[in-house]
Amino acid sequence: MRLTILPLLLSLTVSSIAQAQPGQATAEHLFPQSTIAFASFPDPPAALSIILDHPLRQKVEGMDAWQQATQQQQYRAFLTGRKMFEIQMDRDWRAAVEALSAGGIAVGFDPATEGVAAVMRGSDAEVMETFRAKLLELLRLNQDLDVGEYRGITTYQLDRNKSGVAVVKDWLVITNKGELGKFIIDRILDEAGAEDSLASNPQFQAAVKDRSPDAALWGFLDVETMRQVPNISEALERQSENPGVELILGGIQSAFRETPWLSAEITLSPEHAGLSFTTPLESDWIPEERVWFFGPDANGKAPRLPELDGTLMTLAAYRNVSEMWMRAGDLFDENMNDQLAEADSSLTTLFAGRDFGEDILGSFEPEIGFIAARQSFEDILPSPAIRLPSFALVLRMREPETMARELRRTFQSMIGFFNVIGAMEGRPQLEMDMEQIDDAQLVTSFYVPEEDERESTRAGILFNFSPSVAFRGDYCVVSSTADLARELSTAKDDGNRVHETANTLINLNADVLRDVLHNNREQLISQNMLEDGNTRDEAAAQIDLLLELIGYLKSGGLTLNSLDQRLQLQFDLTLDAMGR
């Protein structure tokens, strides 16, 4: 069997800063100052322990899908290669990997030499020397080697891809460029300090200050240098083709036009996994056409949303959509601007001649909330065969009395319009009602079922909806269902209306997601059979596996923070080791 150790090593080295002893070089000291991309994996054994010793591991390995995967030829080949590695290292593969990477792993790219290098620090020089001898034996099984020497260090060049490998003291060095390899070897042998190394790069020094001590993986990118690449600079200046993408990422694109660096880090624990990206942010970097995204002085904050039972997802963000709409000419390409102009004309007509961007969107505060929640259809007939979550927009009005009246009239007109179109297409009609609950006013509607559908538990998808609007004080709720509108319009207001730091917050409740999918299990199985051509048993197994995997999650989230001249995008995943 052909086995090359280099791909195995590269797959293990996502990268890392080594944990140095006093007087010894660390990974950031080994790479040139001109390095523009660097990643560090400071404690691989600790991360490996979290993954391999996690309580979920046994549950995953007990799944039928895992058992089937382990019968595949690719997995058997992997086991064979792993066994050969253990024989060569004369120890269990995990113990060998932990010994080889005890001091960390790192990888970097240096455009000055056009070189990529990975370095890995072992527990001691003896371990790495043993590994060097075993590595040489393995490599000779597969290809001819060019053996060389540099400063008394034996180097090996692989004919096939010109990659070089060397062991220097307790370091393993792998690179595709000899010049970069020599620089790294010099730094290890001379135990050099920060001069002329990545550690002396001002951008790197600024980025590393934000690194968490708990980071399992940390990376650095010199964005200022990357912007000199024509394709990248053009992409950052390009106008958007999609308003949805602009709403989510537009401000980040503007930040990347000016920011000098980007750092990224991954944190791991048995209960949590996090991924974050951080860049500097100055308010004067934000062009006038993108102030709508961050707010004045880049200080716009997301609103706080009520906590409801059965919440599937919440999204809260600062977005001055009125300003975005009126700045469309600067933000979007010609084709999208034509579509927006057409939409603006239709919406202006719908709102009785009032300009949609300035008069309608401009009458709302820039804090926007969106909530999706699981619906309960207990004791409700007719109930739909496909059971969708309810969802609602939560907005604040600048002129509540005037705008509430306008929105009520517009909502009633829209229901009438839907009924006309529905009658033409043979759909059920909507009936409206008015409610007053304390100081909240609601305008609700619901679909009237046909006589033969009144007791149905397999009714059409329209019966997921009862479009409604609600008003309380300066709050406006536009909801897909009357129940959610009632809950939101009567929820307690604690008075603290905005988040302390977040520009954008997204949270997903995995328990509720699983319940929503479980309620639609039969429909998902049918869809799988139609789309993938599976038998019912095969489709059911795939859907049940999906539900089981989701059961091991608690929640997921995204947070975009703008604080202390930093922009941070954070992704979080919380695990449930017990599962459901």
Protein backbone atom coordinates (compact mmCIF):
# COMPACT_ATOMS: atom_id res chain seq x y z
CA MET A 1 0.00 0.00 0.00
CA ARG A 2 1.33 3.47 -0.91
CA LEU A 3 1.54 5.71 2.12
CA THR A 4 2.96 9.21 2.26
CA ILE A 5 3.30 10.77 5.69
CA LEU A 6 3.29 14.37 4.41
CA PRO A 7 -0.47 14.60 3.65
CA LEU A 8 -1.16 13.02 7.04
CA LEU A 9 0.95 15.66 8.77
CA LEU A 10 -0.60 18.49 6.81
CA SER A 11 -4.08 17.24 7.69
CA LEU A 12 -3.10 17.34 11.36
CA THR A 13 -1.66 20.86 11.11
CA VAL A 14 -4.35 23.42 10.84
CA SER A 15 -1.61 25.44 12.64
CA SER A 16 -0.38 27.02 15.83
CA ILE A 17 1.80 29.06 18.12
CA ALA A 18 4.09 26.86 20.09
CA GLN A 19 4.22 27.02 23.84
CA ALA A 20 7.81 28.06 24.35
CA GLN A 21 10.23 27.66 27.18
CA PRO A 22 12.13 30.80 28.23
CA GLY A 23 14.87 31.64 25.71
CA GLN A 24 13.41 29.43 22.98
CA ALA A 25 11.86 30.55 19.71
CA THR A 26 8.09 30.44 19.39
CA ALA A 27 6.21 29.84 16.15
CA GLU A 28 5.55 33.53 15.42
CA HIS A 29 9.34 34.10 15.68
CA LEU A 30 10.04 31.41 13.06
CA PHE A 31 8.17 33.05 10.18
CA PRO A 32 9.35 36.16 8.26
CA GLN A 33 7.92 39.59 9.00
CA SER A 34 6.36 39.55 5.50
CA THR A 35 4.10 36.59 6.39
CA ILE A 36 0.52 37.64 5.63
CA ALA A 37 -1.40 34.55 6.78
CA PHE A 38 -0.64 32.63 9.95
CA ALA A 39 -2.57 30.15 12.06
CA SER A 40 -1.70 28.53 15.35
CA PHE A 41 -2.85 25.43 17.21
CA PRO A 42 -1.18 25.91 20.61
CA ASP A 43 -2.30 22.73 22.39
CA PRO A 44 -3.38 19.97 19.99
CA PRO A 45 -3.44 17.24 22.69
CA ALA A 46 -6.01 19.24 24.70
CA ALA A 47 -8.25 19.76 21.65
CA LEU A 48 -7.86 16.10 20.70
CA SER A 49 -8.92 15.09 24.20
CA ILE A 50 -12.07 17.23 24.03
CA ILE A 51 -13.08 15.58 20.75
CA LEU A 52 -12.08 11.97 21.42
CA ASP A 53 -13.16 11.84 25.07
CA HIS A 54 -16.42 13.71 24.56
CA PRO A 55 -19.52 11.91 25.94
CA LEU A 56 -21.15 12.22 22.52
CA ARG A 57 -18.45 10.14 20.86
CA GLN A 58 -19.82 6.80 22.03
CA LYS A 59 -23.33 7.80 20.99
CA VAL A 60 -22.20 8.83 17.52
CA GLU A 61 -20.20 5.63 17.08
CA GLY A 62 -23.29 3.65 18.10
CA MET A 63 -25.36 5.10 15.27
CA ASP A 64 -26.21 2.90 12.30
CA ALA A 65 -24.86 5.56 9.95
CA TRP A 66 -21.47 5.42 11.70
CA GLN A 67 -21.43 1.63 11.58
CA GLN A 68 -22.13 1.72 7.86
CA ALA A 69 -19.42 4.33 7.27
CA THR A 70 -16.81 2.18 9.02
CA GLN A 71 -17.50 -0.61 6.54
CA GLN A 72 -16.49 1.53 3.57
CA GLN A 73 -13.20 0.84 1.77
CA GLN A 74 -11.93 4.37 2.43
CA TYR A 75 -12.29 3.92 6.19
CA ARG A 76 -10.53 0.54 6.10
CA ALA A 77 -7.65 2.12 4.15
CA PHE A 78 -7.45 4.83 6.79
CA LEU A 79 -7.23 2.20 9.54
CA THR A 80 -4.46 0.39 7.66
CA GLY A 81 -2.48 3.61 7.32
CA ARG A 82 -3.01 4.43 10.97
CA LYS A 83 -1.77 0.97 12.00
CA MET A 84 1.38 1.38 9.93
CA PHE A 85 1.97 4.73 11.59
CA GLU A 86 1.61 3.09 15.03
CA ILE A 87 4.06 0.33 14.10
CA GLN A 88 6.62 2.85 12.87
CA MET A 89 6.23 5.04 15.96
CA ASP A 90 6.12 2.01 18.29
CA ARG A 91 3.19 3.48 20.19
CA ASP A 92 -0.56 4.08 19.93
CA TRP A 93 -1.42 6.68 17.28
CA ARG A 94 -2.98 9.06 19.80
CA ALA A 95 0.03 8.94 22.11
CA ALA A 96 2.29 9.47 19.08
CA VAL A 97 0.31 12.48 17.85
CA GLU A 98 0.26 13.99 21.33
CA ALA A 99 4.03 13.57 21.68
CA LEU A 100 4.71 14.99 18.23
CA SER A 101 2.47 18.03 18.69
CA ALA A 102 2.86 18.69 22.42
CA GLY A 103 4.45 22.10 21.77
CA GLY A 104 1.93 23.17 19.17
CA ILE A 105 1.52 23.37 15.41
CA ALA A 106 1.69 26.41 13.13
CA VAL A 107 1.34 27.21 9.45
CA GLY A 108 2.00 30.42 7.52
CA PHE A 109 2.17 31.90 4.03
CA ASP A 110 4.94 34.32 3.03
CA PRO A 111 4.36 36.10 -0.31
CA ALA A 112 7.97 37.37 -0.40
CA THR A 113 9.21 33.79 -0.92
CA GLU A 114 5.88 32.48 -2.26
CA GLY A 115 6.29 29.86 0.41
CA VAL A 116 3.93 27.96 2.68
CA ALA A 117 5.37 26.28 5.76
CA ALA A 118 4.05 24.16 8.60
CA VAL A 119 5.98 23.67 11.82
CA MET A 120 5.20 21.23 14.61
CA ARG A 121 6.89 21.10 17.99
CA GLY A 122 7.26 17.81 19.80
CA SER A 123 7.53 17.06 23.48
CA ASP A 124 11.35 16.89 23.22
CA ALA A 125 14.19 16.58 20.69
CA GLU A 126 14.48 12.79 21.20
CA VAL A 127 10.88 12.21 20.16
CA MET A 128 11.37 14.31 17.03
CA GLU A 129 14.62 12.56 16.12
CA THR A 130 12.86 9.19 16.39
CA PHE A 131 10.10 10.56 14.22
CA ARG A 132 12.64 11.85 11.67
CA ALA A 133 14.11 8.36 11.29
CA LYS A 134 10.69 6.75 10.95
CA LEU A 135 9.54 9.44 8.55
CA LEU A 136 12.57 8.80 6.35
CA GLU A 137 11.76 5.08 6.21
CA LEU A 138 8.15 5.76 5.23
CA LEU A 139 9.02 8.30 2.56
CA ARG A 140 11.57 6.01 0.96
CA LEU A 141 8.86 3.39 0.48
CA ASN A 142 7.05 5.66 -1.90
CA GLN A 143 9.44 7.93 -3.77
CA ASP A 144 13.01 8.98 -4.31
CA LEU A 145 14.36 11.60 -1.94
CA ASP A 146 16.90 14.33 -2.50
CA VAL A 147 18.89 14.40 0.72
CA GLY A 148 20.66 17.64 1.51
CA GLU A 149 22.20 19.50 4.39
CA TYR A 150 21.88 23.01 5.75
CA ARG A 151 23.89 24.14 8.76
CA GLY A 152 24.38 20.57 9.83
CA ILE A 153 20.67 19.74 9.53
CA THR A 154 19.70 16.93 7.16
CA THR A 155 16.92 18.01 4.78
CA TYR A 156 14.74 15.88 2.54
CA GLN A 157 13.18 17.13 -0.68
CA LEU A 158 10.32 15.17 -2.20
CA ASP A 159 10.81 14.85 -5.96
CA ARG A 160 7.11 14.62 -6.63
CA ASN A 161 6.03 18.02 -5.29
CA LYS A 162 9.34 19.69 -4.32
CA SER A 163 8.23 19.95 -0.70
CA GLY A 164 11.01 19.94 1.88
CA VAL A 165 11.05 18.26 5.30
CA ALA A 166 13.50 18.65 8.16
CA VAL A 167 13.69 18.01 11.89
CA VAL A 168 15.51 20.72 13.86
CA LYS A 169 15.88 20.17 17.59
CA ASP A 170 12.30 19.53 18.76
CA TRP A 171 10.69 21.02 15.62
CA LEU A 172 9.39 19.38 12.45
CA VAL A 173 9.51 21.79 9.48
CA ILE A 174 7.60 21.24 6.23
CA THR A 175 7.70 23.77 3.38
CA ASN A 176 7.36 24.11 -0.38
CA LYS A 177 10.15 26.72 -0.72
CA GLY A 178 13.77 26.22 0.30
CA GLU A 179 14.33 29.91 1.04
CA LEU A 180 11.50 29.94 3.58
CA GLY A 181 12.73 26.65 5.05
CA LYS A 182 16.22 28.09 5.57
CA PHE A 183 14.80 31.15 7.32
CA ILE A 184 12.86 28.93 9.73
CA ILE A 185 15.85 26.67 10.41
CA ASP A 186 18.04 29.73 11.09
CA ARG A 187 15.52 31.05 13.60
CA ILE A 188 15.33 27.71 15.45
CA LEU A 189 19.11 27.19 15.58
CA ASP A 190 19.87 30.77 16.58
CA GLU A 191 16.92 30.98 19.00
CA ALA A 192 16.39 34.42 17.53
CA GLY A 193 14.04 37.02 18.94
CA ALA A 194 11.42 39.17 17.27
CA GLU A 195 13.66 41.08 14.86
CA ASP A 196 12.60 40.58 11.22
CA SER A 197 10.08 37.93 12.25
CA LEU A 198 6.30 37.87 12.13
CA ALA A 199 6.31 38.70 15.84
CA SER A 200 7.74 42.15 14.94
CA ASN A 201 5.03 42.87 12.34
CA PRO A 202 2.96 45.82 13.73
CA GLN A 203 -0.27 44.38 12.33
CA PHE A 204 0.43 41.03 13.94
CA GLN A 205 1.27 42.67 17.25
CA ALA A 206 -2.04 44.55 17.21
CA ALA A 207 -3.99 41.41 16.33
CA VAL A 208 -2.38 39.13 18.91
CA LYS A 209 -3.47 41.46 21.73
CA ASP A 210 -7.06 40.36 21.11
CA ARG A 211 -6.25 36.66 21.23
CA SER A 212 -8.10 34.75 23.94
CA PRO A 213 -5.93 32.65 26.25
CA ASP A 214 -8.49 29.86 25.79
CA ALA A 215 -8.23 29.78 21.99
CA ALA A 216 -7.76 26.26 20.66
CA LEU A 217 -6.96 27.67 17.22
CA TRP A 218 -5.94 31.23 16.34
CA GLY A 219 -5.25 32.84 12.99
CA PHE A 220 -4.02 36.13 11.52
CA LEU A 221 -4.51 37.68 8.08
CA ASP A 222 -2.81 40.84 6.81
CA VAL A 223 -5.84 42.36 5.05
CA GLU A 224 -3.99 45.53 4.06
CA THR A 225 -1.58 43.50 1.94
CA MET A 226 -4.33 41.25 0.62
CA ARG A 227 -6.21 44.30 -0.68
CA GLN A 228 -3.34 44.92 -3.10
CA VAL A 229 -4.43 41.83 -5.06
CA PRO A 230 -6.61 43.21 -7.93
CA ASN A 231 -9.36 40.59 -7.71
CA ILE A 232 -9.77 41.12 -3.97
CA SER A 233 -9.82 44.93 -4.20
CA GLU A 234 -12.38 44.75 -7.01
CA ALA A 235 -14.60 42.41 -4.99
CA LEU A 236 -14.57 44.80 -2.02
CA GLU A 237 -15.60 47.72 -4.24
CA ARG A 238 -18.23 45.79 -6.17
CA GLN A 239 -21.88 46.80 -5.79
CA SER A 240 -24.28 44.25 -4.39
CA GLU A 241 -26.72 42.22 -6.47
CA ASN A 242 -28.88 41.14 -3.55
CA PRO A 243 -30.57 43.35 -0.91
CA GLY A 244 -30.67 40.40 1.51
CA VAL A 245 -26.89 39.97 1.34
CA GLU A 246 -26.49 43.73 1.70
CA LEU A 247 -28.65 43.73 4.84
CA ILE A 248 -26.52 41.02 6.44
CA LEU A 249 -23.00 41.75 5.19
CA GLY A 250 -22.94 45.23 3.68
CA GLY A 251 -21.28 46.93 6.64
CA ILE A 252 -18.68 44.18 6.95
CA GLN A 253 -17.69 44.74 3.32
CA SER A 254 -17.10 48.43 4.05
CA ALA A 255 -14.98 47.59 7.10
CA PHE A 256 -12.80 45.30 4.97
CA ARG A 257 -12.05 48.17 2.59
CA GLU A 258 -10.07 49.90 5.36
CA THR A 259 -9.16 47.44 8.12
CA PRO A 260 -5.46 46.49 8.27
CA TRP A 261 -5.86 42.98 9.70
CA LEU A 262 -8.24 40.17 10.59
CA SER A 263 -7.86 37.60 13.34
CA ALA A 264 -9.87 34.43 13.87
CA GLU A 265 -10.06 31.97 16.75
CA ILE A 266 -11.83 28.78 17.73
CA THR A 267 -12.63 27.92 21.33
CA LEU A 268 -13.59 24.40 22.41
CA SER A 269 -15.01 22.81 25.52
CA PRO A 270 -17.15 19.70 26.06
CA GLU A 271 -20.28 21.87 26.09
CA HIS A 272 -19.42 24.63 23.64
CA ALA A 273 -17.70 25.44 20.35
CA GLY A 274 -17.10 29.01 19.22
CA LEU A 275 -15.67 30.68 16.13
CA SER A 276 -14.96 34.41 16.08
CA PHE A 277 -13.48 36.93 13.65
CA THR A 278 -12.11 40.28 14.82
CA THR A 279 -10.97 43.38 12.92
CA PRO A 280 -10.26 46.99 13.88
CA LEU A 281 -13.10 49.42 13.12
CA GLU A 282 -13.00 53.21 13.04
CA SER A 283 -16.26 55.10 12.58
CA ASP A 284 -14.73 57.33 9.89
CA TRP A 285 -13.98 54.24 7.79
CA ILE A 286 -17.70 53.77 7.19
CA PRO A 287 -18.78 55.58 3.99
CA GLU A 288 -21.90 57.71 4.08
CA GLU A 289 -23.90 55.17 2.08
CA ARG A 290 -23.26 52.49 4.73
CA VAL A 291 -23.98 54.44 7.92
CA TRP A 292 -27.41 52.76 7.83
CA PHE A 293 -25.70 49.49 8.81
CA PHE A 294 -23.69 50.59 11.86
CA GLY A 295 -25.49 53.73 12.92
CA PRO A 296 -23.93 57.11 13.84
CA ASP A 297 -20.35 56.69 15.13
CA ALA A 298 -20.71 52.93 14.42
CA ASN A 299 -22.74 52.69 17.62
CA GLY A 300 -26.09 51.26 16.47
CA LYS A 301 -27.37 48.52 18.79
CA ALA A 302 -29.79 45.64 18.26
CA PRO A 303 -33.11 45.70 20.17
CA ARG A 304 -33.95 43.38 23.03
CA LEU A 305 -36.74 40.95 22.17
CA PRO A 306 -39.26 39.26 24.48
CA GLU A 307 -38.52 35.71 25.65
CA LEU A 308 -41.42 33.45 24.64
CA ASP A 309 -41.98 29.75 25.23
CA GLY A 310 -41.39 27.70 22.10
CA THR A 311 -39.15 30.28 20.42
CA LEU A 312 -37.36 28.70 17.48
CA MET A 313 -35.23 31.63 16.34
CA THR A 314 -34.71 35.29 17.12
CA LEU A 315 -32.95 37.88 15.02
CA ALA A 316 -32.31 41.38 16.33
CA ALA A 317 -30.32 44.00 14.44
CA TYR A 318 -29.66 47.68 13.98
CA ARG A 319 -30.48 48.44 10.34
CA ASN A 320 -31.77 51.78 9.09
CA VAL A 321 -33.60 50.20 6.17
CA SER A 322 -35.04 53.55 5.09
CA GLU A 323 -31.54 54.93 4.52
CA MET A 324 -30.50 51.76 2.70
CA TRP A 325 -33.54 52.01 0.42
CA MET A 326 -32.84 55.65 -0.44
CA ARG A 327 -29.13 54.91 -0.99
CA ALA A 328 -29.89 52.06 -3.38
CA GLY A 329 -28.19 53.83 -6.28
CA ASP A 330 -24.83 53.71 -4.45
CA LEU A 331 -25.24 50.20 -3.06
CA PHE A 332 -26.72 48.03 -5.81
CA ASP A 333 -25.97 47.30 -9.44
CA GLU A 334 -28.07 48.62 -12.30
CA ASN A 335 -30.26 45.53 -12.62
CA MET A 336 -31.18 45.50 -8.93
CA ASN A 337 -31.86 49.24 -8.93
CA ASP A 338 -34.34 48.75 -11.78
CA GLN A 339 -36.14 46.08 -9.73
CA LEU A 340 -36.16 48.25 -6.62
CA ALA A 341 -37.55 51.22 -8.58
CA GLU A 342 -40.39 49.04 -9.82
CA ALA A 343 -41.07 47.75 -6.30
CA ASP A 344 -40.95 51.30 -4.92
CA SER A 345 -43.61 52.42 -7.39
CA SER A 346 -45.95 49.54 -6.46
CA LEU A 347 -45.44 50.02 -2.71
CA THR A 348 -45.99 53.76 -2.95
CA THR A 349 -49.32 53.04 -4.62
CA LEU A 350 -50.21 50.51 -1.89
CA PHE A 351 -49.52 53.13 0.80
CA ALA A 352 -51.82 55.70 -0.82
CA GLY A 353 -49.12 57.74 -2.52
CA ARG A 354 -46.77 58.03 0.45
CA ASP A 355 -43.14 57.49 -0.54
CA PHE A 356 -42.23 53.99 0.61
CA GLY A 357 -38.57 54.63 1.42
CA GLU A 358 -38.87 58.00 3.15
CA ASP A 359 -42.42 58.11 4.54
CA ILE A 360 -43.11 54.45 5.35
CA LEU A 361 -39.74 52.88 6.14
CA GLY A 362 -38.60 56.19 7.57
CA SER A 363 -41.41 56.12 10.13
CA PHE A 364 -39.77 53.17 11.95
CA GLU A 365 -36.79 53.20 14.27
CA PRO A 366 -33.73 51.34 12.91
CA GLU A 367 -33.91 48.59 15.57
CA ILE A 368 -35.47 45.52 13.91
CA GLY A 369 -36.59 42.28 15.56
CA PHE A 370 -37.69 38.98 14.03
CA ILE A 371 -39.04 35.99 15.97
CA ALA A 372 -40.01 32.50 14.80
CA ALA A 373 -41.83 30.13 17.17
CA ARG A 374 -43.23 26.62 17.13
CA GLN A 375 -46.99 26.48 16.70
CA SER A 376 -49.19 24.19 18.76
CA PHE A 377 -52.13 22.71 16.89
CA GLU A 378 -53.59 20.85 19.86
CA ASP A 379 -57.39 20.97 19.90
CA ILE A 380 -57.32 23.14 16.76
CA LEU A 381 -59.26 22.12 13.67
CA PRO A 382 -58.66 22.23 10.84
CA SER A 383 -54.94 21.67 11.34
CA PRO A 384 -52.48 21.60 8.42
CA ALA A 385 -50.64 18.49 7.27
CA ILE A 386 -47.39 20.49 7.04
CA ARG A 387 -46.92 22.42 10.28
CA LEU A 388 -44.81 25.53 9.89
CA PRO A 389 -43.48 27.81 12.63
CA SER A 390 -45.13 31.18 13.13
CA PHE A 391 -43.02 34.29 12.65
CA ALA A 392 -43.25 38.03 13.23
CA LEU A 393 -41.48 41.34 12.75
CA VAL A 394 -41.18 43.55 15.83
CA LEU A 395 -40.68 47.24 15.02
CA ARG A 396 -40.89 50.59 16.78
CA MET A 397 -42.76 53.53 15.28
CA ARG A 398 -41.49 57.09 15.41
CA GLU A 399 -45.00 58.59 15.27
CA PRO A 400 -47.16 55.85 16.84
CA GLU A 401 -50.60 57.44 16.56
CA THR A 402 -50.26 58.47 12.92
CA MET A 403 -48.42 55.37 11.76
CA ALA A 404 -50.65 52.87 13.60
CA ARG A 405 -53.73 54.23 11.79
CA GLU A 406 -51.92 54.11 8.44
CA LEU A 407 -50.75 50.53 8.98
CA ARG A 408 -54.19 49.34 10.10
CA ARG A 409 -55.75 50.72 6.91
CA THR A 410 -53.02 49.25 4.75
CA PHE A 411 -53.35 45.84 6.44
CA GLN A 412 -57.11 45.79 5.88
CA SER A 413 -56.60 46.72 2.23
CA MET A 414 -54.06 43.94 1.79
CA ILE A 415 -56.43 41.35 3.29
CA GLY A 416 -59.10 42.48 0.86
CA PHE A 417 -56.64 42.19 -2.01
CA PHE A 418 -55.60 38.68 -0.91
CA ASN A 419 -59.26 37.65 -0.81
CA VAL A 420 -59.85 38.88 -4.36
CA ILE A 421 -56.81 36.98 -5.66
CA GLY A 422 -57.70 33.95 -3.52
CA ALA A 423 -61.24 33.82 -4.88
CA MET A 424 -59.90 33.86 -8.43
CA GLU A 425 -57.60 30.93 -7.61
CA GLY A 426 -60.09 28.95 -5.52
CA ARG A 427 -58.38 29.48 -2.16
CA PRO A 428 -60.17 29.92 1.20
CA GLN A 429 -61.16 33.44 2.20
CA LEU A 430 -59.80 35.47 5.11
CA GLU A 431 -62.07 36.95 7.77
CA MET A 432 -60.91 39.87 9.92
CA ASP A 433 -61.47 40.76 13.53
CA MET A 434 -60.41 43.53 15.95
CA GLU A 435 -59.18 42.92 19.49
CA GLN A 436 -58.24 45.11 22.45
CA ILE A 437 -56.07 43.51 25.14
CA ASP A 438 -55.24 46.03 27.85
CA ASP A 439 -53.37 48.77 25.94
CA ALA A 440 -52.67 46.58 22.89
CA GLN A 441 -54.76 46.79 19.71
CA LEU A 442 -54.84 43.88 17.26
CA VAL A 443 -56.21 43.43 13.77
CA THR A 444 -56.38 39.69 13.10
CA SER A 445 -57.50 37.50 10.24
CA PHE A 446 -58.02 33.77 9.73
CA TYR A 447 -58.84 31.45 6.85
CA VAL A 448 -62.40 30.14 6.70
CA PRO A 449 -62.32 26.43 5.83
CA GLU A 450 -64.68 24.77 3.36
CA GLU A 451 -67.39 22.58 4.91
CA ASP A 452 -65.54 19.32 4.18
CA GLU A 453 -62.31 20.67 5.72
CA ARG A 454 -63.59 21.90 9.08
CA GLU A 455 -62.54 18.76 11.01
CA SER A 456 -59.49 17.94 8.91
CA THR A 457 -56.10 17.15 10.39
CA ARG A 458 -54.55 17.18 6.92
CA ALA A 459 -55.63 20.63 5.79
CA GLY A 460 -53.73 22.80 3.34
CA ILE A 461 -50.61 24.78 4.19
CA LEU A 462 -52.58 28.05 4.32
CA PHE A 463 -54.03 27.01 7.68
CA ASN A 464 -50.61 27.68 9.25
CA PHE A 465 -51.38 31.36 8.83
CA SER A 466 -53.68 33.90 10.41
CA PRO A 467 -52.04 37.19 9.32
CA SER A 468 -52.24 39.85 12.02
CA VAL A 469 -50.86 43.19 13.14
CA ALA A 470 -50.69 44.52 16.69
CA PHE A 471 -49.90 47.90 18.21
CA ARG A 472 -48.93 48.85 21.74
CA GLY A 473 -47.35 52.19 22.53
CA ASP A 474 -44.66 52.69 19.90
CA TYR A 475 -44.39 48.97 19.17
CA CYS A 476 -45.72 47.44 15.95
CA VAL A 477 -45.92 43.68 15.39
CA VAL A 478 -46.52 42.18 11.95
CA SER A 479 -47.15 38.47 12.45
CA SER A 480 -47.99 35.38 10.43
CA THR A 481 -50.41 34.29 13.18
CA ALA A 482 -52.80 35.94 15.61
CA ASP A 483 -51.46 33.91 18.56
CA LEU A 484 -47.89 35.16 18.12
CA ALA A 485 -49.14 38.73 17.63
CA ARG A 486 -51.03 38.49 20.95
CA GLU A 487 -48.00 37.10 22.80
CA LEU A 488 -45.64 39.74 21.49
CA SER A 489 -47.98 42.68 21.94
CA THR A 490 -48.69 41.74 25.58
CA ALA A 491 -45.15 40.66 26.53
CA LYS A 492 -43.53 42.50 29.42
CA ASP A 493 -41.36 45.48 28.48
CA ASP A 494 -38.45 45.74 30.94
CA GLY A 495 -37.56 49.21 29.69
CA ASN A 496 -34.05 48.26 28.52
CA ARG A 497 -34.75 48.31 24.81
CA VAL A 498 -31.33 47.76 23.23
CA HIS A 499 -28.44 45.38 23.71
CA GLU A 500 -25.29 46.73 25.38
CA THR A 501 -22.82 45.86 22.59
CA ALA A 502 -24.40 43.85 19.75
CA ASN A 503 -25.19 45.29 16.35
CA THR A 504 -26.72 41.96 15.26
CA LEU A 505 -27.90 38.93 17.25
CA ILE A 506 -29.22 35.61 15.92
CA ASN A 507 -30.17 32.72 18.22
CA LEU A 508 -31.48 29.29 17.25
CA ASN A 509 -33.05 26.89 19.77
CA ALA A 510 -32.15 23.35 18.67
CA ASP A 511 -34.75 21.68 20.93
CA VAL A 512 -37.56 23.59 19.25
CA LEU A 513 -36.08 22.96 15.80
CA ARG A 514 -36.12 19.25 16.48
CA ASP A 515 -39.75 19.42 17.61
CA VAL A 516 -40.74 21.35 14.48
CA LEU A 517 -39.03 18.80 12.24
CA HIS A 518 -40.47 15.89 14.22
CA ASN A 519 -43.97 17.29 13.71
CA ASN A 520 -43.32 17.11 9.97
CA ARG A 521 -41.51 13.76 9.94
CA GLU A 522 -43.89 12.06 7.52
CA GLN A 523 -43.69 14.96 5.06
CA LEU A 524 -39.89 14.97 5.27
CA ILE A 525 -39.78 11.22 4.59
CA SER A 526 -42.04 11.61 1.57
CA GLN A 527 -39.93 14.46 0.23
CA ASN A 528 -36.75 12.42 0.68
CA MET A 529 -38.28 9.51 -1.24
CA LEU A 530 -39.32 11.78 -4.10
CA GLU A 531 -36.09 13.77 -4.37
CA ASP A 532 -33.49 11.07 -3.67
CA GLY A 533 -35.35 7.98 -4.87
CA ASN A 534 -34.96 6.19 -1.53
CA THR A 535 -37.26 3.51 -0.20
CA ARG A 536 -39.44 4.48 2.75
CA ASP A 537 -37.15 2.64 5.19
CA GLU A 538 -34.05 4.38 3.78
CA ALA A 539 -35.72 7.77 3.86
CA ALA A 540 -37.00 7.23 7.42
CA ALA A 541 -33.49 6.23 8.56
CA GLN A 542 -31.99 9.42 7.11
CA ILE A 543 -34.63 11.68 8.65
CA ASP A 544 -34.37 9.95 12.04
CA LEU A 545 -30.58 10.32 11.92
CA LEU A 546 -30.99 14.04 11.29
CA LEU A 547 -33.39 14.34 14.24
CA GLU A 548 -31.01 12.40 16.47
CA LEU A 549 -28.05 14.60 15.54
CA ILE A 550 -30.06 17.77 16.21
CA GLY A 551 -30.96 16.26 19.58
CA TYR A 552 -27.31 16.56 20.60
CA LEU A 553 -27.44 20.34 20.16
CA LYS A 554 -28.87 22.93 22.53
CA SER A 555 -28.51 26.16 20.63
CA GLY A 556 -26.61 28.06 17.98
CA GLY A 557 -26.00 31.75 17.66
CA LEU A 558 -24.36 34.59 15.76
CA THR A 559 -23.35 37.93 17.26
CA LEU A 560 -21.90 40.96 15.47
CA ASN A 561 -20.39 43.39 17.99
CA SER A 562 -19.11 46.89 17.36
CA LEU A 563 -17.27 48.03 20.49
CA ASP A 564 -14.01 49.68 21.52
CA GLN A 565 -12.90 50.22 17.91
CA ARG A 566 -13.28 46.53 17.16
CA LEU A 567 -15.72 44.65 14.96
CA GLN A 568 -16.26 41.04 16.05
CA LEU A 569 -18.35 38.36 14.40
CA GLN A 570 -18.96 35.43 16.77
CA PHE A 571 -20.54 32.03 16.03
CA ASP A 572 -21.51 29.81 18.96
CA LEU A 573 -22.71 26.23 19.23
CA THR A 574 -23.85 24.72 22.54
CA LEU A 575 -23.97 20.95 22.85
CA ASP A 576 -26.21 18.62 24.85
CA ALA A 577 -24.14 15.60 25.81
CA MET A 578 -27.24 13.68 26.91
CA GLY A 579 -29.11 14.12 23.64
CA ARG A 580 -32.85 13.67 23.27
